[in-house]
Amino acid sequence: MCHPSWSRARATAHRLGLLARLRRVRDRIDREYARPLDVVALARDARLTAGELGHQFRLAYGLSPHAYVMARRAERAAAAMAGRRVPATEPHPS
């Protein structure tokens, strides 16, 4: 029989490994936000099923992978629009 703290240590190590894989998924989404989201490929790279990825990603970051990529796209679009402020009275350059 193993020491009781060993099972806690194994569970902690497993959780930390899972969080590291989820962080890599999040980083990949951040790098490739303009591409179509392929949850199956992300899950395969994280060594999870697509369902497990969605569930664990939502637990870790509060959003599903799809909602996360949509939020990043909206943030990038807002930042791009903020960079080219045009007064409302100025005509659109054509």
Protein backbone atom coordinates (compact mmCIF):
# COMPACT_ATOMS: atom_id res chain seq x y z
CA MET A 1 0.00 0.00 0.00
CA CYS A 2 1.33 3.41 -0.91
CA HIS A 3 1.59 6.37 1.38
CA PRO A 4 -1.61 8.51 1.34
CA SER A 5 0.27 11.63 0.27
CA TRP A 6 1.57 9.82 -2.83
CA SER A 7 -1.89 9.60 -4.35
CA ARG A 8 -2.41 13.32 -3.69
CA ALA A 9 0.97 14.04 -5.27
CA ARG A 10 0.05 11.95 -8.32
CA ALA A 11 -3.30 13.72 -8.63
CA THR A 12 -1.59 17.11 -8.36
CA ALA A 13 0.99 16.14 -10.97
CA HIS A 14 -1.78 14.93 -13.28
CA ARG A 15 -3.71 18.21 -12.84
CA LEU A 16 -0.58 20.30 -13.48
CA GLY A 17 0.15 18.29 -16.63
CA LEU A 18 -3.42 18.83 -17.82
CA LEU A 19 -3.18 22.58 -17.16
CA ALA A 20 0.10 22.74 -19.11
CA ARG A 21 -1.57 21.01 -22.09
CA LEU A 22 -4.54 23.39 -21.87
CA ARG A 23 -2.17 26.36 -21.77
CA ARG A 24 -0.53 25.09 -24.98
CA VAL A 25 -3.98 24.83 -26.58
CA ARG A 26 -4.78 28.40 -25.49
CA ASP A 27 -1.43 29.64 -26.81
CA ARG A 28 -2.06 27.92 -30.15
CA ILE A 29 -5.51 29.53 -30.39
CA ASP A 30 -3.92 32.92 -29.64
CA ARG A 31 -1.32 32.39 -32.41
CA GLU A 32 -3.77 31.01 -34.97
CA TYR A 33 -6.91 33.00 -34.12
CA ALA A 34 -7.48 34.01 -37.76
CA ARG A 35 -7.62 30.40 -38.96
CA PRO A 36 -10.72 28.20 -38.67
CA LEU A 37 -10.91 26.51 -35.27
CA ASP A 38 -10.28 22.75 -35.46
CA VAL A 39 -11.24 21.45 -32.01
CA VAL A 40 -10.47 17.84 -32.97
CA ALA A 41 -6.89 18.73 -33.93
CA LEU A 42 -6.44 20.83 -30.77
CA ALA A 43 -7.78 17.95 -28.68
CA ARG A 44 -5.53 15.43 -30.41
CA ASP A 45 -2.48 17.61 -29.72
CA ALA A 46 -3.54 17.91 -26.07
CA ARG A 47 -4.08 14.13 -25.86
CA LEU A 48 -7.77 14.58 -25.00
CA THR A 49 -11.04 13.88 -26.72
CA ALA A 50 -12.88 16.87 -28.17
CA GLY A 51 -15.47 16.62 -25.39
CA GLU A 52 -12.83 16.44 -22.67
CA LEU A 53 -11.01 19.41 -24.17
CA GLY A 54 -14.17 21.50 -24.20
CA HIS A 55 -15.02 20.55 -20.63
CA GLN A 56 -11.53 21.03 -19.19
CA PHE A 57 -10.89 24.24 -21.17
CA ARG A 58 -14.13 25.72 -19.83
CA LEU A 59 -13.17 24.74 -16.27
CA ALA A 60 -9.71 26.30 -16.65
CA TYR A 61 -10.58 29.50 -18.58
CA GLY A 62 -14.31 30.01 -18.12
CA LEU A 63 -15.05 29.79 -21.86
CA SER A 64 -15.34 26.99 -24.38
CA PRO A 65 -12.55 26.89 -26.99
CA HIS A 66 -14.97 28.33 -29.57
CA ALA A 67 -16.06 31.18 -27.28
CA TYR A 68 -12.41 31.85 -26.43
CA VAL A 69 -11.36 32.18 -30.10
CA MET A 70 -14.36 34.39 -30.85
CA ALA A 71 -13.43 36.67 -27.93
CA ARG A 72 -9.83 36.89 -29.19
CA ARG A 73 -11.02 37.75 -32.71
CA ALA A 74 -13.28 40.48 -31.32
CA GLU A 75 -10.42 41.88 -29.22
CA ARG A 76 -8.08 41.94 -32.23
CA ALA A 77 -10.74 43.60 -34.39
CA ALA A 78 -11.43 46.25 -31.74
CA ALA A 79 -7.70 46.93 -31.38
CA ALA A 80 -7.32 47.26 -35.16
CA MET A 81 -10.26 49.65 -35.36
CA ALA A 82 -8.98 51.72 -32.44
CA GLY A 83 -5.74 52.28 -34.34
CA ARG A 84 -7.49 53.98 -37.25
CA ARG A 85 -9.81 56.47 -35.64
CA VAL A 86 -11.55 58.59 -38.24
CA PRO A 87 -13.71 61.54 -37.20
CA ALA A 88 -17.39 61.03 -37.95
CA THR A 89 -17.44 64.23 -40.06
CA GLU A 90 -14.62 63.07 -42.32
CA PRO A 91 -15.71 61.17 -45.44
CA HIS A 92 -14.60 57.58 -45.84
CA PRO A 93 -11.46 57.36 -48.03
CA SER A 94 -12.32 55.45 -51.19
